[in-house]
Protein backbone atom coordinates (compact mmCIF):
# COMPACT_ATOMS: atom_id res chain seq x y z
CA MET A 1 156.13 109.50 107.07
CA SER A 2 159.57 107.45 107.47
CA LEU A 3 159.76 103.88 106.15
CA TYR A 4 159.73 102.56 109.71
CA GLU A 5 156.25 103.96 110.17
CA THR A 6 155.16 102.80 107.05
CA LEU A 7 156.05 99.30 107.17
CA ARG A 8 154.60 99.43 110.90
CA HIS A 9 151.47 100.60 109.87
CA PHE A 10 151.41 97.73 107.33
CA ALA A 11 152.05 94.99 109.74
CA ASP A 12 149.54 96.41 112.14
CA SER A 13 147.03 96.39 109.64
CA TYR A 14 147.16 94.16 106.59
CA GLY A 15 150.12 92.06 107.88
CA LEU A 16 148.09 90.76 110.77
CA ALA A 17 145.05 90.00 108.79
CA ALA A 18 147.18 87.74 106.23
CA MET A 19 148.73 86.10 108.92
CA VAL A 20 145.29 85.15 110.14
CA ALA A 21 144.24 84.00 106.74
CA LEU A 22 147.05 81.89 106.24
CA TYR A 23 146.83 80.51 109.33
CA LEU A 24 142.85 79.62 109.29
CA ALA A 25 143.98 78.36 105.32
CA LEU A 26 146.94 76.00 106.59
CA CYS A 27 144.96 74.57 109.77
CA LEU A 28 141.87 73.72 107.60
CA TRP A 29 143.91 72.46 104.57
CA PRO A 30 143.63 68.70 105.53
CA PHE A 31 140.06 68.76 105.95
CA ARG A 32 138.94 69.56 102.34
CA PRO A 33 137.22 67.15 100.39
CA GLY A 34 139.82 65.89 98.06
CA ALA A 35 142.51 65.26 101.00
CA LYS A 36 141.11 62.10 102.44
CA THR A 37 143.47 59.86 100.30
CA HIS A 38 146.45 61.92 101.15
CA VAL A 39 145.12 62.33 104.86
CA ASP A 40 145.05 58.42 105.32
CA ALA A 41 148.04 57.77 103.75
CA ALA A 42 149.95 59.99 106.03
CA LYS A 43 148.49 58.63 109.02
CA ASN A 44 149.46 55.20 107.95
CA LEU A 45 153.21 55.85 106.85
CA ILE A 46 154.63 55.78 110.25
CA PHE A 47 153.39 51.60 110.27
CA LYS A 48 155.08 51.03 106.92
CA ASP A 49 157.86 49.03 107.71
CA GLU A 50 159.92 47.45 104.44
CA ASN A 51 161.48 44.52 106.44
CA HIS A 52 158.75 43.44 108.33
CA GLY A 53 160.29 43.69 111.58
CA GLN A 54 163.29 41.35 110.38
CA GLN A 55 166.59 42.54 110.76
CA ALA A 56 168.63 43.38 107.39
CA ASP A 57 171.27 41.06 106.43
């Protein structure tokens, strides 16, 4: 069995399962119970303005 066939077999089986598990973990990460403060801070970050709408001198 060549290296190519070995790597292809790995990618077709365990590699795909690992990618799906990583995708699901990253999608569900913000919904964990301890993330509420981080999510709230991130969603309001775009509204933070140090100059409060005034032009810098």
